[in-house]
C-alpha atoms as a PDB file:
ATOM      1  CA  MET A   1      21.538   8.499 -45.074  1.00  0.00           C
ATOM      2  CA  LYS A   2      18.639   7.492 -42.818  1.00  0.00           C
ATOM      3  CA  THR A   3      18.036   3.647 -42.326  1.00  0.00           C
ATOM      4  CA  ILE A   4      14.792   2.158 -42.920  1.00  0.00           C
ATOM      5  CA  ARG A   5      13.884  -1.056 -41.456  1.00  0.00           C
ATOM      6  CA  SER A   6      11.026  -3.133 -42.360  1.00  0.00           C
ATOM      7  CA  LEU A   7       9.031  -5.998 -41.792  1.00  0.00           C
ATOM      8  CA  PRO A   8       7.279  -7.964 -44.485  1.00  0.00           C
ATOM      9  CA  LEU A   9       4.465  -7.722 -45.767  1.00  0.00           C
ATOM     10  CA  ALA A  10       1.905 -10.484 -45.864  1.00  0.00           C
ATOM     11  CA  MET A  11      -1.859 -10.097 -47.456  1.00  0.00           C
ATOM     12  CA  ALA A  12      -5.445  -9.741 -47.042  1.00  0.00           C
ATOM     13  CA  LEU A  13      -9.516  -9.409 -47.994  1.00  0.00           C
ATOM     14  CA  SER A  14     -13.251  -8.131 -47.049  1.00  0.00           C
ATOM     15  CA  ALA A  15     -16.647  -6.967 -47.874  1.00  0.00           C
ATOM     16  CA  SER A  16     -19.872  -5.336 -47.299  1.00  0.00           C
ATOM     17  CA  ALA A  17     -23.302  -3.523 -48.919  1.00  0.00           C
ATOM     18  CA  VAL A  18     -26.721  -2.669 -48.352  1.00  0.00           C
ATOM     19  CA  LEU A  19     -28.844  -1.418 -51.061  1.00  0.00           C
ATOM     20  CA  LEU A  20     -32.473   0.088 -50.799  1.00  0.00           C
ATOM     21  CA  SER A  21     -34.810   0.449 -54.121  1.00  0.00           C
ATOM     22  CA  ALA A  22     -35.991   3.779 -55.020  1.00  0.00           C
ATOM     23  CA  GLY A  23     -39.433   2.562 -53.892  1.00  0.00           C
ATOM     24  CA  GLY A  24     -37.729   2.386 -50.431  1.00  0.00           C
ATOM     25  CA  CYS A  25     -38.352  -1.200 -50.296  1.00  0.00           C
ATOM     26  CA  ALA A  26     -35.465  -2.986 -49.145  1.00  0.00           C
ATOM     27  CA  THR A  27     -33.609  -5.351 -51.691  1.00  0.00           C
ATOM     28  CA  SER A  28     -31.636  -8.243 -50.873  1.00  0.00           C
ATOM     29  CA  PRO A  29     -27.898  -7.312 -50.096  1.00  0.00           C
ATOM     30  CA  PRO A  30     -25.346  -8.275 -52.898  1.00  0.00           C
ATOM     31  CA  THR A  31     -23.414 -11.511 -52.569  1.00  0.00           C
ATOM     32  CA  PRO A  32     -19.683 -10.384 -51.273  1.00  0.00           C
ATOM     33  CA  PRO A  33     -16.746 -10.379 -52.676  1.00  0.00           C
ATOM     34  CA  ILE A  34     -14.857 -13.230 -53.010  1.00  0.00           C
ATOM     35  CA  ALA A  35     -10.803 -13.177 -53.533  1.00  0.00           C
ATOM     36  CA  GLU A  36      -9.477 -16.475 -55.353  1.00  0.00           C
ATOM     37  CA  LYS A  37      -5.838 -15.290 -55.277  1.00  0.00           C
ATOM     38  CA  MET A  38      -3.502 -12.540 -55.848  1.00  0.00           C
ATOM     39  CA  THR A  39      -2.866 -11.273 -58.882  1.00  0.00           C
ATOM     40  CA  ARG A  40       0.844 -11.517 -59.887  1.00  0.00           C
ATOM     41  CA  MET A  41       1.938  -7.739 -61.484  1.00  0.00           C
ATOM     42  CA  PRO A  42       4.644  -7.765 -63.971  1.00  0.00           C
ATOM     43  CA  MET A  43       8.181  -7.762 -63.625  1.00  0.00           C
ATOM     44  CA  GLY A  44       9.780  -4.122 -63.901  1.00  0.00           C
ATOM     45  CA  SER A  45       6.363  -2.986 -61.859  1.00  0.00           C
ATOM     46  CA  VAL A  46       7.240   0.087 -59.798  1.00  0.00           C
ATOM     47  CA  VAL A  47       4.935   1.370 -56.507  1.00  0.00           C
ATOM     48  CA  THR A  48       5.904   4.451 -54.656  1.00  0.00           C
ATOM     49  CA  TYR A  49       4.564   4.559 -51.519  1.00  0.00           C
ATOM     50  CA  HIS A  50       4.953   7.780 -48.421  1.00  0.00           C
ATOM     51  CA  ARG A  51       6.321   6.406 -45.362  1.00  0.00           C
ATOM     52  CA  LYS A  52       6.131   7.595 -41.815  1.00  0.00           C
ATOM     53  CA  SER A  53       7.859   5.621 -39.262  1.00  0.00           C
ATOM     54  CA  SER A  54       9.567   5.467 -35.542  1.00  0.00           C
ATOM     55  CA  GLY A  55      10.438   3.369 -32.741  1.00  0.00           C
ATOM     56  CA  SER A  56      11.865   0.454 -33.850  1.00  0.00           C
ATOM     57  CA  LEU A  57      10.162   0.489 -37.139  1.00  0.00           C
ATOM     58  CA  GLY A  58      12.977   2.994 -37.558  1.00  0.00           C
ATOM     59  CA  ASP A  59      13.063   6.993 -38.160  1.00  0.00           C
ATOM     60  CA  TYR A  60      12.161   7.856 -41.126  1.00  0.00           C
ATOM     61  CA  ASP A  61       9.509  10.075 -43.271  1.00  0.00           C
ATOM     62  CA  GLY A  62       9.660   9.733 -46.857  1.00  0.00           C
ATOM     63  CA  GLN A  63       8.984   7.871 -50.194  1.00  0.00           C
ATOM     64  CA  VAL A  64      10.330   4.289 -50.567  1.00  0.00           C
ATOM     65  CA  VAL A  65       9.818   3.317 -54.362  1.00  0.00           C
ATOM     66  CA  TRP A  66       9.373  -0.844 -54.745  1.00  0.00           C
ATOM     67  CA  THR A  67      10.570  -2.145 -57.827  1.00  0.00           C
ATOM     68  CA  LEU A  68       9.182  -5.592 -59.101  1.00  0.00           C
ATOM     69  CA  SER A  69      11.864  -8.048 -60.410  1.00  0.00           C
ATOM     70  CA  THR A  70      13.271 -11.628 -60.693  1.00  0.00           C
ATOM     71  CA  ARG A  71      15.970 -13.237 -58.417  1.00  0.00           C
ATOM     72  CA  THR A  72      17.846 -16.214 -57.702  1.00  0.00           C
ATOM     73  CA  TRP A  73      17.580 -16.923 -54.260  1.00  0.00           C
ATOM     74  CA  GLN A  74      19.344 -20.204 -52.527  1.00  0.00           C
ATOM     75  CA  GLY A  75      19.158 -21.837 -55.795  1.00  0.00           C
ATOM     76  CA  ARG A  76      15.831 -20.844 -56.780  1.00  0.00           C
ATOM     77  CA  GLU A  77      14.394 -18.437 -58.924  1.00  0.00           C
ATOM     78  CA  VAL A  78      11.493 -15.810 -56.832  1.00  0.00           C
ATOM     79  CA  VAL A  79      10.005 -12.851 -57.165  1.00  0.00           C
ATOM     80  CA  ALA A  80      11.875  -9.601 -55.595  1.00  0.00           C
ATOM     81  CA  SER A  81      10.435  -6.625 -54.209  1.00  0.00           C
ATOM     82  CA  THR A  82      13.796  -4.697 -54.296  1.00  0.00           C
ATOM     83  CA  ALA A  83      13.509  -0.498 -52.476  1.00  0.00           C
ATOM     84  CA  PRO A  84      17.078   0.987 -52.336  1.00  0.00           C
ATOM     85  CA  GLY A  85      17.956   1.773 -48.941  1.00  0.00           C
ATOM     86  CA  VAL A  86      15.406  -0.810 -47.342  1.00  0.00           C
ATOM     87  CA  GLY A  87      16.359  -4.127 -48.849  1.00  0.00           C
ATOM     88  CA  ALA A  88      14.028  -6.409 -50.477  1.00  0.00           C
ATOM     89  CA  THR A  89      10.971  -8.933 -49.744  1.00  0.00           C
ATOM     90  CA  LEU A  90      11.382 -12.301 -52.051  1.00  0.00           C
ATOM     91  CA  SER A  91       8.308 -14.024 -52.664  1.00  0.00           C
ATOM     92  CA  ASP A  92       7.008 -17.871 -54.328  1.00  0.00           C
ATOM     93  CA  PRO A  93       6.822 -16.776 -57.975  1.00  0.00           C
ATOM     94  CA  ALA A  94       3.533 -19.677 -58.149  1.00  0.00           C
ATOM     95  CA  SER A  95       1.622 -18.520 -54.798  1.00  0.00           C
ATOM     96  CA  LEU A  96       3.195 -14.795 -53.944  1.00  0.00           C
ATOM     97  CA  ALA A  97       3.954 -15.957 -50.418  1.00  0.00           C
ATOM     98  CA  LEU A  98       6.330 -14.596 -48.506  1.00  0.00           C
ATOM     99  CA  LEU A  99       9.586 -16.829 -47.978  1.00  0.00           C
ATOM    100  CA  ALA A 100      12.286 -14.048 -46.722  1.00  0.00           C
ATOM    101  CA  PHE A 101      13.245 -10.340 -46.003  1.00  0.00           C
ATOM    102  CA  LEU A 102      16.817  -9.354 -47.144  1.00  0.00           C
ATOM    103  CA  ASP A 103      18.546  -6.301 -45.821  1.00  0.00           C
ATOM    104  CA  ALA A 104      20.110  -3.195 -48.237  1.00  0.00           C
ATOM    105  CA  LYS A 105      23.223  -4.942 -48.755  1.00  0.00           C
ATOM    106  CA  GLY A 106      21.013  -8.614 -49.604  1.00  0.00           C
ATOM    107  CA  SER A 107      21.731 -10.056 -46.705  1.00  0.00           C
ATOM    108  CA  THR A 108      18.742 -12.152 -45.009  1.00  0.00           C
ATOM    109  CA  VAL A 109      17.136 -10.910 -42.520  1.00  0.00           C
ATOM    110  CA  THR A 110      14.345 -13.258 -41.862  1.00  0.00           C
ATOM    111  CA  SER A 111      12.952 -16.269 -43.701  1.00  0.00           C
ATOM    112  CA  TYR A 112       9.837 -18.324 -43.126  1.00  0.00           C
ATOM    113  CA  ASP A 113       8.729 -21.779 -43.155  1.00  0.00           C
ATOM    114  CA  PRO A 114       6.129 -22.388 -43.955  1.00  0.00           C
ATOM    115  CA  PRO A 115       6.269 -19.402 -46.140  1.00  0.00           C
ATOM    116  CA  MET A 116       3.947 -16.628 -45.522  1.00  0.00           C
ATOM    117  CA  ALA A 117       0.527 -16.343 -47.056  1.00  0.00           C
ATOM    118  CA  TYR A 118      -3.423 -15.020 -46.781  1.00  0.00           C
ATOM    119  CA  GLN A 119      -5.461 -18.217 -46.651  1.00  0.00           C
ATOM    120  CA  TRP A 120      -7.027 -18.281 -49.853  1.00  0.00           C
ATOM    121  CA  PRO A 121      -9.945 -17.940 -50.774  1.00  0.00           C
ATOM    122  CA  LEU A 122     -10.520 -15.303 -48.209  1.00  0.00           C
ATOM    123  CA  GLN A 123     -14.094 -13.266 -48.001  1.00  0.00           C
ATOM    124  CA  VAL A 124     -15.271 -10.329 -45.026  1.00  0.00           C
ATOM    125  CA  GLY A 125     -15.666 -12.316 -41.949  1.00  0.00           C
ATOM    126  CA  LYS A 126     -13.169 -14.741 -42.430  1.00  0.00           C
ATOM    127  CA  ALA A 127     -10.757 -15.871 -39.557  1.00  0.00           C
ATOM    128  CA  TRP A 128      -7.835 -17.406 -39.074  1.00  0.00           C
ATOM    129  CA  SER A 129      -4.986 -18.296 -37.275  1.00  0.00           C
ATOM    130  CA  SER A 130      -1.381 -19.653 -38.443  1.00  0.00           C
ATOM    131  CA  GLN A 131       2.095 -20.892 -37.377  1.00  0.00           C
ATOM    132  CA  TYR A 132       5.777 -20.540 -39.195  1.00  0.00           C
ATOM    133  CA  MET A 133       8.893 -21.157 -37.730  1.00  0.00           C
ATOM    134  CA  MET A 134      11.025 -17.889 -38.377  1.00  0.00           C
ATOM    135  CA  THR A 135      14.865 -17.548 -39.206  1.00  0.00           C
ATOM    136  CA  VAL A 136      17.472 -15.247 -37.945  1.00  0.00           C
ATOM    137  CA  PRO A 137      20.375 -16.221 -39.654  1.00  0.00           C
ATOM    138  CA  ALA A 138      21.880 -13.190 -37.527  1.00  0.00           C
ATOM    139  CA  SER A 139      21.615 -14.789 -34.355  1.00  0.00           C
ATOM    140  CA  GLY A 140      21.217 -18.421 -35.722  1.00  0.00           C
ATOM    141  CA  ARG A 141      17.772 -18.177 -33.716  1.00  0.00           C
ATOM    142  CA  ALA A 142      14.254 -20.103 -35.316  1.00  0.00           C
ATOM    143  CA  ILE A 143      11.502 -18.411 -33.791  1.00  0.00           C
ATOM    144  CA  PRO A 144       8.052 -19.729 -33.312  1.00  0.00           C
ATOM    145  CA  LEU A 145       5.560 -17.189 -35.101  1.00  0.00           C
ATOM    146  CA  LYS A 146       1.776 -17.272 -34.670  1.00  0.00           C
ATOM    147  CA  ILE A 147      -0.735 -14.987 -36.696  1.00  0.00           C
ATOM    148  CA  ASP A 148      -4.183 -14.329 -35.830  1.00  0.00           C
ATOM    149  CA  TRP A 149      -5.757 -13.171 -39.214  1.00  0.00           C
ATOM    150  CA  LYS A 150      -8.843 -11.469 -39.732  1.00  0.00           C
ATOM    151  CA  VAL A 151     -11.088  -9.907 -43.492  1.00  0.00           C
ATOM    152  CA  GLU A 152     -12.357  -7.006 -41.524  1.00  0.00           C
ATOM    153  CA  ALA A 153     -13.962  -5.205 -44.676  1.00  0.00           C
ATOM    154  CA  TRP A 154     -14.104  -4.705 -48.173  1.00  0.00           C
ATOM    155  CA  GLU A 155     -14.498  -0.618 -48.407  1.00  0.00           C
ATOM    156  CA  ASP A 156     -13.164   2.943 -50.406  1.00  0.00           C
ATOM    157  CA  VAL A 157      -9.977   3.237 -49.690  1.00  0.00           C
ATOM    158  CA  THR A 158      -8.625   6.287 -50.399  1.00  0.00           C
ATOM    159  CA  VAL A 159      -4.775   7.438 -51.127  1.00  0.00           C
ATOM    160  CA  PRO A 160      -3.016  10.116 -53.085  1.00  0.00           C
ATOM    161  CA  ALA A 161      -2.529   7.504 -55.672  1.00  0.00           C
ATOM    162  CA  GLY A 162      -6.619   7.683 -55.426  1.00  0.00           C
ATOM    163  CA  THR A 163      -9.375   5.712 -54.523  1.00  0.00           C
ATOM    164  CA  PHE A 164      -9.698   1.660 -54.742  1.00  0.00           C
ATOM    165  CA  LYS A 165     -11.908  -0.693 -53.838  1.00  0.00           C
ATOM    166  CA  ALA A 166      -9.773  -2.813 -51.142  1.00  0.00           C
ATOM    167  CA  TYR A 167      -9.951  -5.363 -48.708  1.00  0.00           C
ATOM    168  CA  ARG A 168      -9.401  -4.135 -44.794  1.00  0.00           C
ATOM    169  CA  LEU A 169      -7.695  -7.182 -42.997  1.00  0.00           C
ATOM    170  CA  SER A 170      -5.579  -7.012 -39.544  1.00  0.00           C
ATOM    171  CA  TRP A 171      -3.885  -9.665 -37.609  1.00  0.00           C
ATOM    172  CA  ILE A 172      -2.048  -9.946 -34.711  1.00  0.00           C
ATOM    173  CA  ASN A 173       1.329 -12.320 -34.282  1.00  0.00           C
ATOM    174  CA  SER A 174       3.026 -13.452 -30.975  1.00  0.00           C
ATOM    175  CA  LEU A 175       6.048 -11.090 -31.173  1.00  0.00           C
ATOM    176  CA  GLY A 176       3.448  -8.519 -30.145  1.00  0.00           C
ATOM    177  CA  GLU A 177       2.868  -6.721 -33.400  1.00  0.00           C
ATOM    178  CA  ALA A 178      -0.562  -5.604 -34.479  1.00  0.00           C
ATOM    179  CA  GLU A 179      -1.374  -4.532 -38.748  1.00  0.00           C
ATOM    180  CA  THR A 180      -3.799  -3.303 -40.438  1.00  0.00           C
ATOM    181  CA  ARG A 181      -3.575  -3.219 -44.090  1.00  0.00           C
ATOM    182  CA  TRP A 182      -5.680  -2.684 -47.250  1.00  0.00           C
ATOM    183  CA  VAL A 183      -5.361  -4.579 -50.380  1.00  0.00           C
ATOM    184  CA  SER A 184      -6.402  -4.839 -54.242  1.00  0.00           C
ATOM    185  CA  PRO A 185      -5.963  -8.541 -55.139  1.00  0.00           C
ATOM    186  CA  ALA A 186      -7.408  -7.940 -58.561  1.00  0.00           C
ATOM    187  CA  THR A 187      -4.349  -5.071 -59.240  1.00  0.00           C
ATOM    188  CA  GLY A 188      -1.918  -7.303 -57.298  1.00  0.00           C
ATOM    189  CA  ILE A 189      -1.299  -4.276 -55.037  1.00  0.00           C
ATOM    190  CA  ASP A 190      -0.652  -5.292 -51.829  1.00  0.00           C
ATOM    191  CA  PRO A 191      -0.327  -3.132 -49.465  1.00  0.00           C
ATOM    192  CA  ILE A 192      -2.830   0.156 -50.578  1.00  0.00           C
ATOM    193  CA  LYS A 193      -2.314   1.801 -47.446  1.00  0.00           C
ATOM    194  CA  ARG A 194      -1.249  -0.170 -43.420  1.00  0.00           C
ATOM    195  CA  HIS A 195      -0.320   0.817 -40.562  1.00  0.00           C
ATOM    196  CA  VAL A 196       1.311  -0.915 -38.032  1.00  0.00           C
ATOM    197  CA  GLU A 197       1.901  -0.860 -34.161  1.00  0.00           C
ATOM    198  CA  ARG A 198       4.718  -2.397 -32.029  1.00  0.00           C
ATOM    199  CA  SER A 199       3.947  -2.618 -28.684  1.00  0.00           C
ATOM    200  CA  ALA A 200       6.496  -2.614 -25.391  1.00  0.00           C
ATOM    201  CA  MET A 201       6.800  -6.341 -24.736  1.00  0.00           C
ATOM    202  CA  HIS A 202       8.408  -6.725 -28.839  1.00  0.00           C
ATOM    203  CA  PRO A 203      12.052  -8.142 -29.070  1.00  0.00           C
ATOM    204  CA  GLN A 204      12.911  -4.700 -31.098  1.00  0.00           C
ATOM    205  CA  GLY A 205      10.753  -2.463 -28.589  1.00  0.00           C
ATOM    206  CA  PRO A 206       7.785  -0.319 -29.504  1.00  0.00           C
ATOM    207  CA  GLY A 207       7.435   1.232 -33.094  1.00  0.00           C
ATOM    208  CA  VAL A 208       4.529   2.822 -35.101  1.00  0.00           C
ATOM    209  CA  LEU A 209       4.517   2.359 -39.125  1.00  0.00           C
ATOM    210  CA  ASP A 210       2.477   4.161 -41.540  1.00  0.00           C
ATOM    211  CA  ALA A 211       2.660   3.552 -45.268  1.00  0.00           C
ATOM    212  CA  GLU A 212       0.154   4.142 -48.056  1.00  0.00           C
ATOM    213  CA  LEU A 213       0.279   4.358 -52.064  1.00  0.00           C
ATOM    214  CA  LEU A 214       1.282   7.358 -54.604  1.00  0.00           C
ATOM    215  CA  SER A 215       1.791   5.482 -57.362  1.00  0.00           C
ATOM    216  CA  SER A 216       1.521   2.546 -59.332  1.00  0.00           C
ATOM    217  CA  VAL A 217       3.165   1.626 -62.690  1.00  0.00           C
ATOM    218  CA  VAL A 218       3.296  -0.947 -64.805  1.00  0.00           C
ATOM    219  CA  PRO A 219       5.899  -1.837 -67.996  1.00  0.00           C
ATOM    220  CA  ALA A 220       4.361  -1.274 -71.532  1.00  0.00           C
ATOM    221  CA  LYS A 221       3.654  -4.283 -73.161  1.00  0.00           C
END
């Protein structure tokens, strides 16, 4: 079985539009949408992606299925998104900020202080920088991590699961990794689609990852 490696996810937004009236006169552009928070998907939700990756992000081309649940980590209840053969991302139940990433055996690969999150509220054109300490238990190291974020657009994104209105967010971190992702705060799906590139300066070497949503299923009430 091939081993898949993945880095945490992390969040986004954006917007824009110009309308013309039937008579040809320009109207005022609508107020761009502003997202105040990410909706929390119900526990038991199953989100499936097609993932293609190479290099330091793992050689893989196939489906990855994530299931949402609660679990205990370091004595506290957290939200876990778990995929067989990949591992799990752990998030704070209230803010959904990223706490840690676990490997397929359940061991902590990386954890973040403070927890990694988008800077809410978000709207098109917003940009900011954030800093974290990333702990790697296997090596006993704590690595400073800076991320420069930008909300680029509010647009339609089409994937096998359908067409979604989504915010396009891009960021680059101090380790040499850049990402563009499309997220839908209203539905809680993050990401709809993503593209990741690691440069040769990354500690694990260069790599590329692309993923897009195949399906999203929430449990019946």
